[in-house]
Amino acid sequence: GLFCFFGLSAEAIKGIIFCHILLT
């Protein structure tokens, strides 16, 4: 979803970090 919305960008990287932290 992040790649579709934001492409390979800082926003996508920020989003997956956010996801991993919230899961943990």
PDBML (XML) file of the C-alpha atoms, coordinates in Angstrom:
<?xml version="1.0" encoding="UTF-8" ?>
<PDBx:datablock datablockName="MODEL"
   xmlns:PDBx="http://pdbml.pdb.org/schema/pdbx-v50.xsd"
   xmlns:xsi="http://www.w3.org/2001/XMLSchema-instance"
   xsi:schemaLocation="http://pdbml.pdb.org/schema/pdbx-v50.xsd pdbx-v50.xsd">
   <PDBx:atom_siteCategory>
      <PDBx:atom_site id="1">
         <PDBx:B_iso_or_equiv>0.00</PDBx:B_iso_or_equiv>
         <PDBx:Cartn_x>0.000</PDBx:Cartn_x>
         <PDBx:Cartn_y>0.000</PDBx:Cartn_y>
         <PDBx:Cartn_z>0.000</PDBx:Cartn_z>
         <PDBx:auth_asym_id>A</PDBx:auth_asym_id>
         <PDBx:auth_atom_id>CA</PDBx:auth_atom_id>
         <PDBx:auth_comp_id>GLY</PDBx:auth_comp_id>
         <PDBx:auth_seq_id>1</PDBx:auth_seq_id>
         <PDBx:group_PDB>ATOM</PDBx:group_PDB>
         <PDBx:label_alt_id xsi:nil="true" />
         <PDBx:label_asym_id>A</PDBx:label_asym_id>
         <PDBx:label_atom_id>CA</PDBx:label_atom_id>
         <PDBx:label_comp_id>GLY</PDBx:label_comp_id>
         <PDBx:label_entity_id>1</PDBx:label_entity_id>
         <PDBx:label_seq_id>1</PDBx:label_seq_id>
         <PDBx:occupancy>1.00</PDBx:occupancy>
         <PDBx:pdbx_PDB_model_num>1</PDBx:pdbx_PDB_model_num>
         <PDBx:type_symbol>C</PDBx:type_symbol>
      </PDBx:atom_site>
      <PDBx:atom_site id="2">
         <PDBx:B_iso_or_equiv>0.00</PDBx:B_iso_or_equiv>
         <PDBx:Cartn_x>2.784</PDBx:Cartn_x>
         <PDBx:Cartn_y>2.425</PDBx:Cartn_y>
         <PDBx:Cartn_z>0.861</PDBx:Cartn_z>
         <PDBx:auth_asym_id>A</PDBx:auth_asym_id>
         <PDBx:auth_atom_id>CA</PDBx:auth_atom_id>
         <PDBx:auth_comp_id>LEU</PDBx:auth_comp_id>
         <PDBx:auth_seq_id>2</PDBx:auth_seq_id>
         <PDBx:group_PDB>ATOM</PDBx:group_PDB>
         <PDBx:label_alt_id xsi:nil="true" />
         <PDBx:label_asym_id>A</PDBx:label_asym_id>
         <PDBx:label_atom_id>CA</PDBx:label_atom_id>
         <PDBx:label_comp_id>LEU</PDBx:label_comp_id>
         <PDBx:label_entity_id>1</PDBx:label_entity_id>
         <PDBx:label_seq_id>2</PDBx:label_seq_id>
         <PDBx:occupancy>1.00</PDBx:occupancy>
         <PDBx:pdbx_PDB_model_num>1</PDBx:pdbx_PDB_model_num>
         <PDBx:type_symbol>C</PDBx:type_symbol>
      </PDBx:atom_site>
      <PDBx:atom_site id="3">
         <PDBx:B_iso_or_equiv>0.00</PDBx:B_iso_or_equiv>
         <PDBx:Cartn_x>4.559</PDBx:Cartn_x>
         <PDBx:Cartn_y>1.786</PDBx:Cartn_y>
         <PDBx:Cartn_z>-2.437</PDBx:Cartn_z>
         <PDBx:auth_asym_id>A</PDBx:auth_asym_id>
         <PDBx:auth_atom_id>CA</PDBx:auth_atom_id>
         <PDBx:auth_comp_id>PHE</PDBx:auth_comp_id>
         <PDBx:auth_seq_id>3</PDBx:auth_seq_id>
         <PDBx:group_PDB>ATOM</PDBx:group_PDB>
         <PDBx:label_alt_id xsi:nil="true" />
         <PDBx:label_asym_id>A</PDBx:label_asym_id>
         <PDBx:label_atom_id>CA</PDBx:label_atom_id>
         <PDBx:label_comp_id>PHE</PDBx:label_comp_id>
         <PDBx:label_entity_id>1</PDBx:label_entity_id>
         <PDBx:label_seq_id>3</PDBx:label_seq_id>
         <PDBx:occupancy>1.00</PDBx:occupancy>
         <PDBx:pdbx_PDB_model_num>1</PDBx:pdbx_PDB_model_num>
         <PDBx:type_symbol>C</PDBx:type_symbol>
      </PDBx:atom_site>
      <PDBx:atom_site id="4">
         <PDBx:B_iso_or_equiv>0.00</PDBx:B_iso_or_equiv>
         <PDBx:Cartn_x>1.317</PDBx:Cartn_x>
         <PDBx:Cartn_y>2.251</PDBx:Cartn_y>
         <PDBx:Cartn_z>-4.388</PDBx:Cartn_z>
         <PDBx:auth_asym_id>A</PDBx:auth_asym_id>
         <PDBx:auth_atom_id>CA</PDBx:auth_atom_id>
         <PDBx:auth_comp_id>CYS</PDBx:auth_comp_id>
         <PDBx:auth_seq_id>4</PDBx:auth_seq_id>
         <PDBx:group_PDB>ATOM</PDBx:group_PDB>
         <PDBx:label_alt_id xsi:nil="true" />
         <PDBx:label_asym_id>A</PDBx:label_asym_id>
         <PDBx:label_atom_id>CA</PDBx:label_atom_id>
         <PDBx:label_comp_id>CYS</PDBx:label_comp_id>
         <PDBx:label_entity_id>1</PDBx:label_entity_id>
         <PDBx:label_seq_id>4</PDBx:label_seq_id>
         <PDBx:occupancy>1.00</PDBx:occupancy>
         <PDBx:pdbx_PDB_model_num>1</PDBx:pdbx_PDB_model_num>
         <PDBx:type_symbol>C</PDBx:type_symbol>
      </PDBx:atom_site>
      <PDBx:atom_site id="5">
         <PDBx:B_iso_or_equiv>0.00</PDBx:B_iso_or_equiv>
         <PDBx:Cartn_x>0.527</PDBx:Cartn_x>
         <PDBx:Cartn_y>5.494</PDBx:Cartn_y>
         <PDBx:Cartn_z>-2.558</PDBx:Cartn_z>
         <PDBx:auth_asym_id>A</PDBx:auth_asym_id>
         <PDBx:auth_atom_id>CA</PDBx:auth_atom_id>
         <PDBx:auth_comp_id>PHE</PDBx:auth_comp_id>
         <PDBx:auth_seq_id>5</PDBx:auth_seq_id>
         <PDBx:group_PDB>ATOM</PDBx:group_PDB>
         <PDBx:label_alt_id xsi:nil="true" />
         <PDBx:label_asym_id>A</PDBx:label_asym_id>
         <PDBx:label_atom_id>CA</PDBx:label_atom_id>
         <PDBx:label_comp_id>PHE</PDBx:label_comp_id>
         <PDBx:label_entity_id>1</PDBx:label_entity_id>
         <PDBx:label_seq_id>5</PDBx:label_seq_id>
         <PDBx:occupancy>1.00</PDBx:occupancy>
         <PDBx:pdbx_PDB_model_num>1</PDBx:pdbx_PDB_model_num>
         <PDBx:type_symbol>C</PDBx:type_symbol>
      </PDBx:atom_site>
      <PDBx:atom_site id="6">
         <PDBx:B_iso_or_equiv>0.00</PDBx:B_iso_or_equiv>
         <PDBx:Cartn_x>3.969</PDBx:Cartn_x>
         <PDBx:Cartn_y>7.057</PDBx:Cartn_y>
         <PDBx:Cartn_z>-2.156</PDBx:Cartn_z>
         <PDBx:auth_asym_id>A</PDBx:auth_asym_id>
         <PDBx:auth_atom_id>CA</PDBx:auth_atom_id>
         <PDBx:auth_comp_id>PHE</PDBx:auth_comp_id>
         <PDBx:auth_seq_id>6</PDBx:auth_seq_id>
         <PDBx:group_PDB>ATOM</PDBx:group_PDB>
         <PDBx:label_alt_id xsi:nil="true" />
         <PDBx:label_asym_id>A</PDBx:label_asym_id>
         <PDBx:label_atom_id>CA</PDBx:label_atom_id>
         <PDBx:label_comp_id>PHE</PDBx:label_comp_id>
         <PDBx:label_entity_id>1</PDBx:label_entity_id>
         <PDBx:label_seq_id>6</PDBx:label_seq_id>
         <PDBx:occupancy>1.00</PDBx:occupancy>
         <PDBx:pdbx_PDB_model_num>1</PDBx:pdbx_PDB_model_num>
         <PDBx:type_symbol>C</PDBx:type_symbol>
      </PDBx:atom_site>
      <PDBx:atom_site id="7">
         <PDBx:B_iso_or_equiv>0.00</PDBx:B_iso_or_equiv>
         <PDBx:Cartn_x>6.344</PDBx:Cartn_x>
         <PDBx:Cartn_y>5.107</PDBx:Cartn_y>
         <PDBx:Cartn_z>-4.390</PDBx:Cartn_z>
         <PDBx:auth_asym_id>A</PDBx:auth_asym_id>
         <PDBx:auth_atom_id>CA</PDBx:auth_atom_id>
         <PDBx:auth_comp_id>GLY</PDBx:auth_comp_id>
         <PDBx:auth_seq_id>7</PDBx:auth_seq_id>
         <PDBx:group_PDB>ATOM</PDBx:group_PDB>
         <PDBx:label_alt_id xsi:nil="true" />
         <PDBx:label_asym_id>A</PDBx:label_asym_id>
         <PDBx:label_atom_id>CA</PDBx:label_atom_id>
         <PDBx:label_comp_id>GLY</PDBx:label_comp_id>
         <PDBx:label_entity_id>1</PDBx:label_entity_id>
         <PDBx:label_seq_id>7</PDBx:label_seq_id>
         <PDBx:occupancy>1.00</PDBx:occupancy>
         <PDBx:pdbx_PDB_model_num>1</PDBx:pdbx_PDB_model_num>
         <PDBx:type_symbol>C</PDBx:type_symbol>
      </PDBx:atom_site>
      <PDBx:atom_site id="8">
         <PDBx:B_iso_or_equiv>0.00</PDBx:B_iso_or_equiv>
         <PDBx:Cartn_x>9.887</PDBx:Cartn_x>
         <PDBx:Cartn_y>4.429</PDBx:Cartn_y>
         <PDBx:Cartn_z>-3.239</PDBx:Cartn_z>
         <PDBx:auth_asym_id>A</PDBx:auth_asym_id>
         <PDBx:auth_atom_id>CA</PDBx:auth_atom_id>
         <PDBx:auth_comp_id>LEU</PDBx:auth_comp_id>
         <PDBx:auth_seq_id>8</PDBx:auth_seq_id>
         <PDBx:group_PDB>ATOM</PDBx:group_PDB>
         <PDBx:label_alt_id xsi:nil="true" />
         <PDBx:label_asym_id>A</PDBx:label_asym_id>
         <PDBx:label_atom_id>CA</PDBx:label_atom_id>
         <PDBx:label_comp_id>LEU</PDBx:label_comp_id>
         <PDBx:label_entity_id>1</PDBx:label_entity_id>
         <PDBx:label_seq_id>8</PDBx:label_seq_id>
         <PDBx:occupancy>1.00</PDBx:occupancy>
         <PDBx:pdbx_PDB_model_num>1</PDBx:pdbx_PDB_model_num>
         <PDBx:type_symbol>C</PDBx:type_symbol>
      </PDBx:atom_site>
      <PDBx:atom_site id="9">
         <PDBx:B_iso_or_equiv>0.00</PDBx:B_iso_or_equiv>
         <PDBx:Cartn_x>10.150</PDBx:Cartn_x>
         <PDBx:Cartn_y>7.520</PDBx:Cartn_y>
         <PDBx:Cartn_z>-1.061</PDBx:Cartn_z>
         <PDBx:auth_asym_id>A</PDBx:auth_asym_id>
         <PDBx:auth_atom_id>CA</PDBx:auth_atom_id>
         <PDBx:auth_comp_id>SER</PDBx:auth_comp_id>
         <PDBx:auth_seq_id>9</PDBx:auth_seq_id>
         <PDBx:group_PDB>ATOM</PDBx:group_PDB>
         <PDBx:label_alt_id xsi:nil="true" />
         <PDBx:label_asym_id>A</PDBx:label_asym_id>
         <PDBx:label_atom_id>CA</PDBx:label_atom_id>
         <PDBx:label_comp_id>SER</PDBx:label_comp_id>
         <PDBx:label_entity_id>1</PDBx:label_entity_id>
         <PDBx:label_seq_id>9</PDBx:label_seq_id>
         <PDBx:occupancy>1.00</PDBx:occupancy>
         <PDBx:pdbx_PDB_model_num>1</PDBx:pdbx_PDB_model_num>
         <PDBx:type_symbol>C</PDBx:type_symbol>
      </PDBx:atom_site>
      <PDBx:atom_site id="10">
         <PDBx:B_iso_or_equiv>0.00</PDBx:B_iso_or_equiv>
         <PDBx:Cartn_x>10.993</PDBx:Cartn_x>
         <PDBx:Cartn_y>8.758</PDBx:Cartn_y>
         <PDBx:Cartn_z>2.413</PDBx:Cartn_z>
         <PDBx:auth_asym_id>A</PDBx:auth_asym_id>
         <PDBx:auth_atom_id>CA</PDBx:auth_atom_id>
         <PDBx:auth_comp_id>ALA</PDBx:auth_comp_id>
         <PDBx:auth_seq_id>10</PDBx:auth_seq_id>
         <PDBx:group_PDB>ATOM</PDBx:group_PDB>
         <PDBx:label_alt_id xsi:nil="true" />
         <PDBx:label_asym_id>A</PDBx:label_asym_id>
         <PDBx:label_atom_id>CA</PDBx:label_atom_id>
         <PDBx:label_comp_id>ALA</PDBx:label_comp_id>
         <PDBx:label_entity_id>1</PDBx:label_entity_id>
         <PDBx:label_seq_id>10</PDBx:label_seq_id>
         <PDBx:occupancy>1.00</PDBx:occupancy>
         <PDBx:pdbx_PDB_model_num>1</PDBx:pdbx_PDB_model_num>
         <PDBx:type_symbol>C</PDBx:type_symbol>
      </PDBx:atom_site>
      <PDBx:atom_site id="11">
         <PDBx:B_iso_or_equiv>0.00</PDBx:B_iso_or_equiv>
         <PDBx:Cartn_x>7.278</PDBx:Cartn_x>
         <PDBx:Cartn_y>8.762</PDBx:Cartn_y>
         <PDBx:Cartn_z>3.193</PDBx:Cartn_z>
         <PDBx:auth_asym_id>A</PDBx:auth_asym_id>
         <PDBx:auth_atom_id>CA</PDBx:auth_atom_id>
         <PDBx:auth_comp_id>GLU</PDBx:auth_comp_id>
         <PDBx:auth_seq_id>11</PDBx:auth_seq_id>
         <PDBx:group_PDB>ATOM</PDBx:group_PDB>
         <PDBx:label_alt_id xsi:nil="true" />
         <PDBx:label_asym_id>A</PDBx:label_asym_id>
         <PDBx:label_atom_id>CA</PDBx:label_atom_id>
         <PDBx:label_comp_id>GLU</PDBx:label_comp_id>
         <PDBx:label_entity_id>1</PDBx:label_entity_id>
         <PDBx:label_seq_id>11</PDBx:label_seq_id>
         <PDBx:occupancy>1.00</PDBx:occupancy>
         <PDBx:pdbx_PDB_model_num>1</PDBx:pdbx_PDB_model_num>
         <PDBx:type_symbol>C</PDBx:type_symbol>
      </PDBx:atom_site>
      <PDBx:atom_site id="12">
         <PDBx:B_iso_or_equiv>0.00</PDBx:B_iso_or_equiv>
         <PDBx:Cartn_x>7.008</PDBx:Cartn_x>
         <PDBx:Cartn_y>5.049</PDBx:Cartn_y>
         <PDBx:Cartn_z>2.386</PDBx:Cartn_z>
         <PDBx:auth_asym_id>A</PDBx:auth_asym_id>
         <PDBx:auth_atom_id>CA</PDBx:auth_atom_id>
         <PDBx:auth_comp_id>ALA</PDBx:auth_comp_id>
         <PDBx:auth_seq_id>12</PDBx:auth_seq_id>
         <PDBx:group_PDB>ATOM</PDBx:group_PDB>
         <PDBx:label_alt_id xsi:nil="true" />
         <PDBx:label_asym_id>A</PDBx:label_asym_id>
         <PDBx:label_atom_id>CA</PDBx:label_atom_id>
         <PDBx:label_comp_id>ALA</PDBx:label_comp_id>
         <PDBx:label_entity_id>1</PDBx:label_entity_id>
         <PDBx:label_seq_id>12</PDBx:label_seq_id>
         <PDBx:occupancy>1.00</PDBx:occupancy>
         <PDBx:pdbx_PDB_model_num>1</PDBx:pdbx_PDB_model_num>
         <PDBx:type_symbol>C</PDBx:type_symbol>
      </PDBx:atom_site>
      <PDBx:atom_site id="13">
         <PDBx:B_iso_or_equiv>0.00</PDBx:B_iso_or_equiv>
         <PDBx:Cartn_x>10.033</PDBx:Cartn_x>
         <PDBx:Cartn_y>4.237</PDBx:Cartn_y>
         <PDBx:Cartn_z>4.548</PDBx:Cartn_z>
         <PDBx:auth_asym_id>A</PDBx:auth_asym_id>
         <PDBx:auth_atom_id>CA</PDBx:auth_atom_id>
         <PDBx:auth_comp_id>ILE</PDBx:auth_comp_id>
         <PDBx:auth_seq_id>13</PDBx:auth_seq_id>
         <PDBx:group_PDB>ATOM</PDBx:group_PDB>
         <PDBx:label_alt_id xsi:nil="true" />
         <PDBx:label_asym_id>A</PDBx:label_asym_id>
         <PDBx:label_atom_id>CA</PDBx:label_atom_id>
         <PDBx:label_comp_id>ILE</PDBx:label_comp_id>
         <PDBx:label_entity_id>1</PDBx:label_entity_id>
         <PDBx:label_seq_id>13</PDBx:label_seq_id>
         <PDBx:occupancy>1.00</PDBx:occupancy>
         <PDBx:pdbx_PDB_model_num>1</PDBx:pdbx_PDB_model_num>
         <PDBx:type_symbol>C</PDBx:type_symbol>
      </PDBx:atom_site>
      <PDBx:atom_site id="14">
         <PDBx:B_iso_or_equiv>0.00</PDBx:B_iso_or_equiv>
         <PDBx:Cartn_x>8.584</PDBx:Cartn_x>
         <PDBx:Cartn_y>6.322</PDBx:Cartn_y>
         <PDBx:Cartn_z>7.373</PDBx:Cartn_z>
         <PDBx:auth_asym_id>A</PDBx:auth_asym_id>
         <PDBx:auth_atom_id>CA</PDBx:auth_atom_id>
         <PDBx:auth_comp_id>LYS</PDBx:auth_comp_id>
         <PDBx:auth_seq_id>14</PDBx:auth_seq_id>
         <PDBx:group_PDB>ATOM</PDBx:group_PDB>
         <PDBx:label_alt_id xsi:nil="true" />
         <PDBx:label_asym_id>A</PDBx:label_asym_id>
         <PDBx:label_atom_id>CA</PDBx:label_atom_id>
         <PDBx:label_comp_id>LYS</PDBx:label_comp_id>
         <PDBx:label_entity_id>1</PDBx:label_entity_id>
         <PDBx:label_seq_id>14</PDBx:label_seq_id>
         <PDBx:occupancy>1.00</PDBx:occupancy>
         <PDBx:pdbx_PDB_model_num>1</PDBx:pdbx_PDB_model_num>
         <PDBx:type_symbol>C</PDBx:type_symbol>
      </PDBx:atom_site>
      <PDBx:atom_site id="15">
         <PDBx:B_iso_or_equiv>0.00</PDBx:B_iso_or_equiv>
         <PDBx:Cartn_x>5.285</PDBx:Cartn_x>
         <PDBx:Cartn_y>4.488</PDBx:Cartn_y>
         <PDBx:Cartn_z>7.058</PDBx:Cartn_z>
         <PDBx:auth_asym_id>A</PDBx:auth_asym_id>
         <PDBx:auth_atom_id>CA</PDBx:auth_atom_id>
         <PDBx:auth_comp_id>GLY</PDBx:auth_comp_id>
         <PDBx:auth_seq_id>15</PDBx:auth_seq_id>
         <PDBx:group_PDB>ATOM</PDBx:group_PDB>
         <PDBx:label_alt_id xsi:nil="true" />
         <PDBx:label_asym_id>A</PDBx:label_asym_id>
         <PDBx:label_atom_id>CA</PDBx:label_atom_id>
         <PDBx:label_comp_id>GLY</PDBx:label_comp_id>
         <PDBx:label_entity_id>1</PDBx:label_entity_id>
         <PDBx:label_seq_id>15</PDBx:label_seq_id>
         <PDBx:occupancy>1.00</PDBx:occupancy>
         <PDBx:pdbx_PDB_model_num>1</PDBx:pdbx_PDB_model_num>
         <PDBx:type_symbol>C</PDBx:type_symbol>
      </PDBx:atom_site>
      <PDBx:atom_site id="16">
         <PDBx:B_iso_or_equiv>0.00</PDBx:B_iso_or_equiv>
         <PDBx:Cartn_x>6.762</PDBx:Cartn_x>
         <PDBx:Cartn_y>0.996</PDBx:Cartn_y>
         <PDBx:Cartn_z>7.326</PDBx:Cartn_z>
         <PDBx:auth_asym_id>A</PDBx:auth_asym_id>
         <PDBx:auth_atom_id>CA</PDBx:auth_atom_id>
         <PDBx:auth_comp_id>ILE</PDBx:auth_comp_id>
         <PDBx:auth_seq_id>16</PDBx:auth_seq_id>
         <PDBx:group_PDB>ATOM</PDBx:group_PDB>
         <PDBx:label_alt_id xsi:nil="true" />
         <PDBx:label_asym_id>A</PDBx:label_asym_id>
         <PDBx:label_atom_id>CA</PDBx:label_atom_id>
         <PDBx:label_comp_id>ILE</PDBx:label_comp_id>
         <PDBx:label_entity_id>1</PDBx:label_entity_id>
         <PDBx:label_seq_id>16</PDBx:label_seq_id>
         <PDBx:occupancy>1.00</PDBx:occupancy>
         <PDBx:pdbx_PDB_model_num>1</PDBx:pdbx_PDB_model_num>
         <PDBx:type_symbol>C</PDBx:type_symbol>
      </PDBx:atom_site>
      <PDBx:atom_site id="17">
         <PDBx:B_iso_or_equiv>0.00</PDBx:B_iso_or_equiv>
         <PDBx:Cartn_x>8.871</PDBx:Cartn_x>
         <PDBx:Cartn_y>2.011</PDBx:Cartn_y>
         <PDBx:Cartn_z>10.327</PDBx:Cartn_z>
         <PDBx:auth_asym_id>A</PDBx:auth_asym_id>
         <PDBx:auth_atom_id>CA</PDBx:auth_atom_id>
         <PDBx:auth_comp_id>ILE</PDBx:auth_comp_id>
         <PDBx:auth_seq_id>17</PDBx:auth_seq_id>
         <PDBx:group_PDB>ATOM</PDBx:group_PDB>
         <PDBx:label_alt_id xsi:nil="true" />
         <PDBx:label_asym_id>A</PDBx:label_asym_id>
         <PDBx:label_atom_id>CA</PDBx:label_atom_id>
         <PDBx:label_comp_id>ILE</PDBx:label_comp_id>
         <PDBx:label_entity_id>1</PDBx:label_entity_id>
         <PDBx:label_seq_id>17</PDBx:label_seq_id>
         <PDBx:occupancy>1.00</PDBx:occupancy>
         <PDBx:pdbx_PDB_model_num>1</PDBx:pdbx_PDB_model_num>
         <PDBx:type_symbol>C</PDBx:type_symbol>
      </PDBx:atom_site>
      <PDBx:atom_site id="18">
         <PDBx:B_iso_or_equiv>0.00</PDBx:B_iso_or_equiv>
         <PDBx:Cartn_x>5.693</PDBx:Cartn_x>
         <PDBx:Cartn_y>3.331</PDBx:Cartn_y>
         <PDBx:Cartn_z>11.942</PDBx:Cartn_z>
         <PDBx:auth_asym_id>A</PDBx:auth_asym_id>
         <PDBx:auth_atom_id>CA</PDBx:auth_atom_id>
         <PDBx:auth_comp_id>PHE</PDBx:auth_comp_id>
         <PDBx:auth_seq_id>18</PDBx:auth_seq_id>
         <PDBx:group_PDB>ATOM</PDBx:group_PDB>
         <PDBx:label_alt_id xsi:nil="true" />
         <PDBx:label_asym_id>A</PDBx:label_asym_id>
         <PDBx:label_atom_id>CA</PDBx:label_atom_id>
         <PDBx:label_comp_id>PHE</PDBx:label_comp_id>
         <PDBx:label_entity_id>1</PDBx:label_entity_id>
         <PDBx:label_seq_id>18</PDBx:label_seq_id>
         <PDBx:occupancy>1.00</PDBx:occupancy>
         <PDBx:pdbx_PDB_model_num>1</PDBx:pdbx_PDB_model_num>
         <PDBx:type_symbol>C</PDBx:type_symbol>
      </PDBx:atom_site>
      <PDBx:atom_site id="19">
         <PDBx:B_iso_or_equiv>0.00</PDBx:B_iso_or_equiv>
         <PDBx:Cartn_x>3.947</PDBx:Cartn_x>
         <PDBx:Cartn_y>0.036</PDBx:Cartn_y>
         <PDBx:Cartn_z>11.173</PDBx:Cartn_z>
         <PDBx:auth_asym_id>A</PDBx:auth_asym_id>
         <PDBx:auth_atom_id>CA</PDBx:auth_atom_id>
         <PDBx:auth_comp_id>CYS</PDBx:auth_comp_id>
         <PDBx:auth_seq_id>19</PDBx:auth_seq_id>
         <PDBx:group_PDB>ATOM</PDBx:group_PDB>
         <PDBx:label_alt_id xsi:nil="true" />
         <PDBx:label_asym_id>A</PDBx:label_asym_id>
         <PDBx:label_atom_id>CA</PDBx:label_atom_id>
         <PDBx:label_comp_id>CYS</PDBx:label_comp_id>
         <PDBx:label_entity_id>1</PDBx:label_entity_id>
         <PDBx:label_seq_id>19</PDBx:label_seq_id>
         <PDBx:occupancy>1.00</PDBx:occupancy>
         <PDBx:pdbx_PDB_model_num>1</PDBx:pdbx_PDB_model_num>
         <PDBx:type_symbol>C</PDBx:type_symbol>
      </PDBx:atom_site>
      <PDBx:atom_site id="20">
         <PDBx:B_iso_or_equiv>0.00</PDBx:B_iso_or_equiv>
         <PDBx:Cartn_x>6.741</PDBx:Cartn_x>
         <PDBx:Cartn_y>-2.080</PDBx:Cartn_y>
         <PDBx:Cartn_z>12.666</PDBx:Cartn_z>
         <PDBx:auth_asym_id>A</PDBx:auth_asym_id>
         <PDBx:auth_atom_id>CA</PDBx:auth_atom_id>
         <PDBx:auth_comp_id>HIS</PDBx:auth_comp_id>
         <PDBx:auth_seq_id>20</PDBx:auth_seq_id>
         <PDBx:group_PDB>ATOM</PDBx:group_PDB>
         <PDBx:label_alt_id xsi:nil="true" />
         <PDBx:label_asym_id>A</PDBx:label_asym_id>
         <PDBx:label_atom_id>CA</PDBx:label_atom_id>
         <PDBx:label_comp_id>HIS</PDBx:label_comp_id>
         <PDBx:label_entity_id>1</PDBx:label_entity_id>
         <PDBx:label_seq_id>20</PDBx:label_seq_id>
         <PDBx:occupancy>1.00</PDBx:occupancy>
         <PDBx:pdbx_PDB_model_num>1</PDBx:pdbx_PDB_model_num>
         <PDBx:type_symbol>C</PDBx:type_symbol>
      </PDBx:atom_site>
      <PDBx:atom_site id="21">
         <PDBx:B_iso_or_equiv>0.00</PDBx:B_iso_or_equiv>
         <PDBx:Cartn_x>6.883</PDBx:Cartn_x>
         <PDBx:Cartn_y>-0.011</PDBx:Cartn_y>
         <PDBx:Cartn_z>15.843</PDBx:Cartn_z>
         <PDBx:auth_asym_id>A</PDBx:auth_asym_id>
         <PDBx:auth_atom_id>CA</PDBx:auth_atom_id>
         <PDBx:auth_comp_id>ILE</PDBx:auth_comp_id>
         <PDBx:auth_seq_id>21</PDBx:auth_seq_id>
         <PDBx:group_PDB>ATOM</PDBx:group_PDB>
         <PDBx:label_alt_id xsi:nil="true" />
         <PDBx:label_asym_id>A</PDBx:label_asym_id>
         <PDBx:label_atom_id>CA</PDBx:label_atom_id>
         <PDBx:label_comp_id>ILE</PDBx:label_comp_id>
         <PDBx:label_entity_id>1</PDBx:label_entity_id>
         <PDBx:label_seq_id>21</PDBx:label_seq_id>
         <PDBx:occupancy>1.00</PDBx:occupancy>
         <PDBx:pdbx_PDB_model_num>1</PDBx:pdbx_PDB_model_num>
         <PDBx:type_symbol>C</PDBx:type_symbol>
      </PDBx:atom_site>
      <PDBx:atom_site id="22">
         <PDBx:B_iso_or_equiv>0.00</PDBx:B_iso_or_equiv>
         <PDBx:Cartn_x>3.122</PDBx:Cartn_x>
         <PDBx:Cartn_y>-0.173</PDBx:Cartn_y>
         <PDBx:Cartn_z>16.385</PDBx:Cartn_z>
         <PDBx:auth_asym_id>A</PDBx:auth_asym_id>
         <PDBx:auth_atom_id>CA</PDBx:auth_atom_id>
         <PDBx:auth_comp_id>LEU</PDBx:auth_comp_id>
         <PDBx:auth_seq_id>22</PDBx:auth_seq_id>
         <PDBx:group_PDB>ATOM</PDBx:group_PDB>
         <PDBx:label_alt_id xsi:nil="true" />
         <PDBx:label_asym_id>A</PDBx:label_asym_id>
         <PDBx:label_atom_id>CA</PDBx:label_atom_id>
         <PDBx:label_comp_id>LEU</PDBx:label_comp_id>
         <PDBx:label_entity_id>1</PDBx:label_entity_id>
         <PDBx:label_seq_id>22</PDBx:label_seq_id>
         <PDBx:occupancy>1.00</PDBx:occupancy>
         <PDBx:pdbx_PDB_model_num>1</PDBx:pdbx_PDB_model_num>
         <PDBx:type_symbol>C</PDBx:type_symbol>
      </PDBx:atom_site>
      <PDBx:atom_site id="23">
         <PDBx:B_iso_or_equiv>0.00</PDBx:B_iso_or_equiv>
         <PDBx:Cartn_x>3.103</PDBx:Cartn_x>
         <PDBx:Cartn_y>-3.940</PDBx:Cartn_y>
         <PDBx:Cartn_z>15.824</PDBx:Cartn_z>
         <PDBx:auth_asym_id>A</PDBx:auth_asym_id>
         <PDBx:auth_atom_id>CA</PDBx:auth_atom_id>
         <PDBx:auth_comp_id>LEU</PDBx:auth_comp_id>
         <PDBx:auth_seq_id>23</PDBx:auth_seq_id>
         <PDBx:group_PDB>ATOM</PDBx:group_PDB>
         <PDBx:label_alt_id xsi:nil="true" />
         <PDBx:label_asym_id>A</PDBx:label_asym_id>
         <PDBx:label_atom_id>CA</PDBx:label_atom_id>
         <PDBx:label_comp_id>LEU</PDBx:label_comp_id>
         <PDBx:label_entity_id>1</PDBx:label_entity_id>
         <PDBx:label_seq_id>23</PDBx:label_seq_id>
         <PDBx:occupancy>1.00</PDBx:occupancy>
         <PDBx:pdbx_PDB_model_num>1</PDBx:pdbx_PDB_model_num>
         <PDBx:type_symbol>C</PDBx:type_symbol>
      </PDBx:atom_site>
      <PDBx:atom_site id="24">
         <PDBx:B_iso_or_equiv>0.00</PDBx:B_iso_or_equiv>
         <PDBx:Cartn_x>5.886</PDBx:Cartn_x>
         <PDBx:Cartn_y>-4.385</PDBx:Cartn_y>
         <PDBx:Cartn_z>18.369</PDBx:Cartn_z>
         <PDBx:auth_asym_id>A</PDBx:auth_asym_id>
         <PDBx:auth_atom_id>CA</PDBx:auth_atom_id>
         <PDBx:auth_comp_id>THR</PDBx:auth_comp_id>
         <PDBx:auth_seq_id>24</PDBx:auth_seq_id>
         <PDBx:group_PDB>ATOM</PDBx:group_PDB>
         <PDBx:label_alt_id xsi:nil="true" />
         <PDBx:label_asym_id>A</PDBx:label_asym_id>
         <PDBx:label_atom_id>CA</PDBx:label_atom_id>
         <PDBx:label_comp_id>THR</PDBx:label_comp_id>
         <PDBx:label_entity_id>1</PDBx:label_entity_id>
         <PDBx:label_seq_id>24</PDBx:label_seq_id>
         <PDBx:occupancy>1.00</PDBx:occupancy>
         <PDBx:pdbx_PDB_model_num>1</PDBx:pdbx_PDB_model_num>
         <PDBx:type_symbol>C</PDBx:type_symbol>
      </PDBx:atom_site>
   </PDBx:atom_siteCategory>
</PDBx:datablock>
